[in-house]
Amino acid sequence: MPTVPISKFEHRVARWAKLLKKTRQPLEIYQHGRSYIVVLDQQTFQERQRDRERLQALEIKLLVDAGE
């Protein structure tokens, strides 16, 4: 996962956005030498959201099945 200081990210947001969309890899942004945020492209974010929802539905089903 590429990393970049927040100051460089701020000055080149459009460039980083293009890179994120092209590579679909998360970009870790750090501030004061520490990880600050991670940025994802929209498609990757949506896929992860769907995966999380599927996992939650499966967990609920397993709990219901175990209670029967």
N, C-alpha and C. Protein backbone atom coordinates (compact mmCIF):
# COMPACT_ATOMS: atom_id res chain seq x y z
N MET A 1 0.85 -1.17 0.00
CA MET A 1 0.00 0.00 0.00
C MET A 1 0.90 1.24 0.00
N PRO A 2 0.74 2.10 -1.00
CA PRO A 2 1.54 3.32 -1.02
C PRO A 2 1.20 4.23 0.16
N THR A 3 2.18 4.98 0.60
CA THR A 3 1.97 5.95 1.67
C THR A 3 2.43 7.32 1.20
N VAL A 4 1.81 8.36 1.74
CA VAL A 4 2.14 9.72 1.34
C VAL A 4 1.85 10.66 2.52
N PRO A 5 2.69 11.67 2.73
CA PRO A 5 2.37 12.65 3.76
C PRO A 5 1.14 13.46 3.36
N ILE A 6 0.39 13.89 4.34
CA ILE A 6 -0.84 14.62 4.07
C ILE A 6 -0.57 15.89 3.26
N SER A 7 0.55 16.54 3.48
CA SER A 7 0.86 17.78 2.73
C SER A 7 0.98 17.50 1.24
N LYS A 8 1.62 16.39 0.87
CA LYS A 8 1.73 16.03 -0.55
C LYS A 8 0.37 15.61 -1.12
N PHE A 9 -0.43 14.93 -0.31
CA PHE A 9 -1.75 14.53 -0.76
C PHE A 9 -2.61 15.76 -1.04
N GLU A 10 -2.57 16.72 -0.16
CA GLU A 10 -3.39 17.94 -0.31
C GLU A 10 -3.06 18.68 -1.60
N HIS A 11 -1.80 18.72 -1.96
CA HIS A 11 -1.38 19.48 -3.13
C HIS A 11 -1.59 18.76 -4.45
N ARG A 12 -1.83 17.46 -4.37
CA ARG A 12 -1.98 16.67 -5.61
C ARG A 12 -3.16 15.72 -5.54
N VAL A 13 -4.27 16.17 -5.01
CA VAL A 13 -5.43 15.30 -4.82
C VAL A 13 -5.88 14.67 -6.14
N ALA A 14 -5.97 15.44 -7.19
CA ALA A 14 -6.44 14.92 -8.48
C ALA A 14 -5.51 13.80 -8.97
N ARG A 15 -4.22 14.00 -8.82
CA ARG A 15 -3.25 12.98 -9.24
C ARG A 15 -3.43 11.69 -8.45
N TRP A 16 -3.58 11.83 -7.13
CA TRP A 16 -3.76 10.66 -6.29
C TRP A 16 -5.09 9.96 -6.60
N ALA A 17 -6.12 10.74 -6.88
CA ALA A 17 -7.42 10.16 -7.21
C ALA A 17 -7.32 9.31 -8.48
N LYS A 18 -6.61 9.81 -9.48
CA LYS A 18 -6.42 9.03 -10.71
C LYS A 18 -5.66 7.74 -10.42
N LEU A 19 -4.63 7.84 -9.62
CA LEU A 19 -3.83 6.66 -9.27
C LEU A 19 -4.69 5.63 -8.52
N LEU A 20 -5.49 6.10 -7.57
CA LEU A 20 -6.35 5.19 -6.82
C LEU A 20 -7.33 4.47 -7.73
N LYS A 21 -7.92 5.22 -8.65
CA LYS A 21 -8.89 4.62 -9.56
C LYS A 21 -8.21 3.60 -10.48
N LYS A 22 -7.00 3.92 -10.92
CA LYS A 22 -6.27 3.04 -11.84
C LYS A 22 -5.79 1.77 -11.13
N THR A 23 -5.17 1.92 -9.98
CA THR A 23 -4.55 0.77 -9.30
C THR A 23 -5.50 0.03 -8.38
N ARG A 24 -6.55 0.71 -7.90
CA ARG A 24 -7.51 0.17 -6.95
C ARG A 24 -6.83 -0.30 -5.66
N GLN A 25 -5.67 0.27 -5.36
CA GLN A 25 -4.99 -0.02 -4.11
C GLN A 25 -5.25 1.11 -3.14
N PRO A 26 -5.40 0.80 -1.85
CA PRO A 26 -5.58 1.85 -0.86
C PRO A 26 -4.35 2.75 -0.79
N LEU A 27 -4.57 3.98 -0.40
CA LEU A 27 -3.48 4.94 -0.20
C LEU A 27 -3.48 5.35 1.26
N GLU A 28 -2.38 5.10 1.94
CA GLU A 28 -2.27 5.47 3.35
C GLU A 28 -1.66 6.87 3.45
N ILE A 29 -2.35 7.73 4.15
CA ILE A 29 -1.88 9.11 4.33
C ILE A 29 -1.45 9.26 5.78
N TYR A 30 -0.27 9.84 5.94
CA TYR A 30 0.20 10.00 7.31
C TYR A 30 0.46 11.47 7.64
N GLN A 31 0.46 11.75 8.93
CA GLN A 31 0.68 13.11 9.42
C GLN A 31 1.55 13.00 10.67
N HIS A 32 2.55 13.83 10.74
CA HIS A 32 3.49 13.82 11.87
C HIS A 32 4.10 12.43 12.07
N GLY A 33 4.38 11.74 10.95
CA GLY A 33 5.04 10.45 11.02
C GLY A 33 4.14 9.29 11.42
N ARG A 34 2.84 9.53 11.55
CA ARG A 34 1.92 8.48 11.96
C ARG A 34 0.81 8.31 10.94
N SER A 35 0.34 7.08 10.80
CA SER A 35 -0.78 6.81 9.90
C SER A 35 -1.97 7.66 10.33
N TYR A 36 -2.61 8.32 9.38
CA TYR A 36 -3.70 9.25 9.68
C TYR A 36 -5.03 8.75 9.10
N ILE A 37 -5.06 8.46 7.79
CA ILE A 37 -6.25 7.92 7.14
C ILE A 37 -5.82 7.01 5.99
N VAL A 38 -6.77 6.20 5.53
CA VAL A 38 -6.56 5.38 4.34
C VAL A 38 -7.67 5.74 3.36
N VAL A 39 -7.30 5.98 2.11
CA VAL A 39 -8.24 6.39 1.08
C VAL A 39 -8.41 5.24 0.08
N LEU A 40 -9.67 4.98 -0.28
CA LEU A 40 -9.98 3.93 -1.25
C LEU A 40 -10.70 4.54 -2.44
N ASP A 41 -10.60 3.88 -3.59
CA ASP A 41 -11.41 4.30 -4.73
C ASP A 41 -12.84 3.83 -4.47
N GLN A 42 -13.80 4.42 -5.17
CA GLN A 42 -15.21 4.15 -4.93
C GLN A 42 -15.58 2.69 -5.15
N GLN A 43 -15.08 2.08 -6.21
CA GLN A 43 -15.43 0.69 -6.50
C GLN A 43 -14.94 -0.25 -5.40
N THR A 44 -13.72 -0.06 -4.95
CA THR A 44 -13.18 -0.89 -3.87
C THR A 44 -13.98 -0.68 -2.59
N PHE A 45 -14.31 0.56 -2.28
CA PHE A 45 -15.10 0.86 -1.09
C PHE A 45 -16.45 0.13 -1.15
N GLN A 46 -17.14 0.23 -2.29
CA GLN A 46 -18.44 -0.43 -2.43
C GLN A 46 -18.33 -1.94 -2.30
N GLU A 47 -17.29 -2.52 -2.89
CA GLU A 47 -17.08 -3.96 -2.77
C GLU A 47 -16.87 -4.36 -1.32
N ARG A 48 -16.10 -3.59 -0.60
CA ARG A 48 -15.85 -3.90 0.81
C ARG A 48 -17.12 -3.74 1.64
N GLN A 49 -17.93 -2.75 1.30
CA GLN A 49 -19.21 -2.56 1.99
C GLN A 49 -20.11 -3.77 1.76
N ARG A 50 -20.21 -4.24 0.51
CA ARG A 50 -21.03 -5.41 0.20
C ARG A 50 -20.52 -6.65 0.93
N ASP A 51 -19.20 -6.82 0.96
CA ASP A 51 -18.61 -7.96 1.67
C ASP A 51 -18.96 -7.91 3.16
N ARG A 52 -18.88 -6.71 3.74
CA ARG A 52 -19.19 -6.54 5.16
C ARG A 52 -20.67 -6.87 5.43
N GLU A 53 -21.56 -6.41 4.53
CA GLU A 53 -22.99 -6.69 4.69
C GLU A 53 -23.27 -8.19 4.57
N ARG A 54 -22.60 -8.85 3.61
CA ARG A 54 -22.79 -10.30 3.46
C ARG A 54 -22.31 -11.05 4.70
N LEU A 55 -21.18 -10.63 5.24
CA LEU A 55 -20.65 -11.26 6.43
C LEU A 55 -21.60 -11.08 7.61
N GLN A 56 -22.16 -9.88 7.77
CA GLN A 56 -23.11 -9.64 8.86
C GLN A 56 -24.35 -10.51 8.69
N ALA A 57 -24.85 -10.63 7.46
CA ALA A 57 -26.02 -11.47 7.21
C ALA A 57 -25.71 -12.93 7.54
N LEU A 58 -24.54 -13.39 7.17
CA LEU A 58 -24.14 -14.76 7.47
C LEU A 58 -24.03 -14.98 8.98
N GLU A 59 -23.45 -14.03 9.68
CA GLU A 59 -23.34 -14.14 11.14
C GLU A 59 -24.71 -14.23 11.79
N ILE A 60 -25.65 -13.41 11.32
CA ILE A 60 -27.00 -13.44 11.86
C ILE A 60 -27.65 -14.79 11.58
N LYS A 61 -27.48 -15.29 10.36
CA LYS A 61 -28.05 -16.60 10.01
C LYS A 61 -27.46 -17.69 10.90
N LEU A 62 -26.16 -17.67 11.13
CA LEU A 62 -25.54 -18.67 11.98
C LEU A 62 -26.07 -18.60 13.41
N LEU A 63 -26.27 -17.39 13.91
CA LEU A 63 -26.82 -17.23 15.26
C LEU A 63 -28.25 -17.75 15.34
N VAL A 64 -29.04 -17.45 14.32
CA VAL A 64 -30.43 -17.93 14.29
C VAL A 64 -30.46 -19.45 14.20
N ASP A 65 -29.64 -20.00 13.32
CA ASP A 65 -29.58 -21.46 13.16
C ASP A 65 -29.13 -22.15 14.46
N ALA A 66 -28.20 -21.54 15.16
CA ALA A 66 -27.72 -22.11 16.41
C ALA A 66 -28.79 -22.06 17.49
N GLY A 67 -29.68 -21.08 17.42
CA GLY A 67 -30.75 -20.95 18.41
C GLY A 67 -31.92 -21.88 18.17
N GLU A 68 -31.97 -22.51 17.02
CA GLU A 68 -33.11 -23.40 16.71
C GLU A 68 -32.95 -24.73 17.36
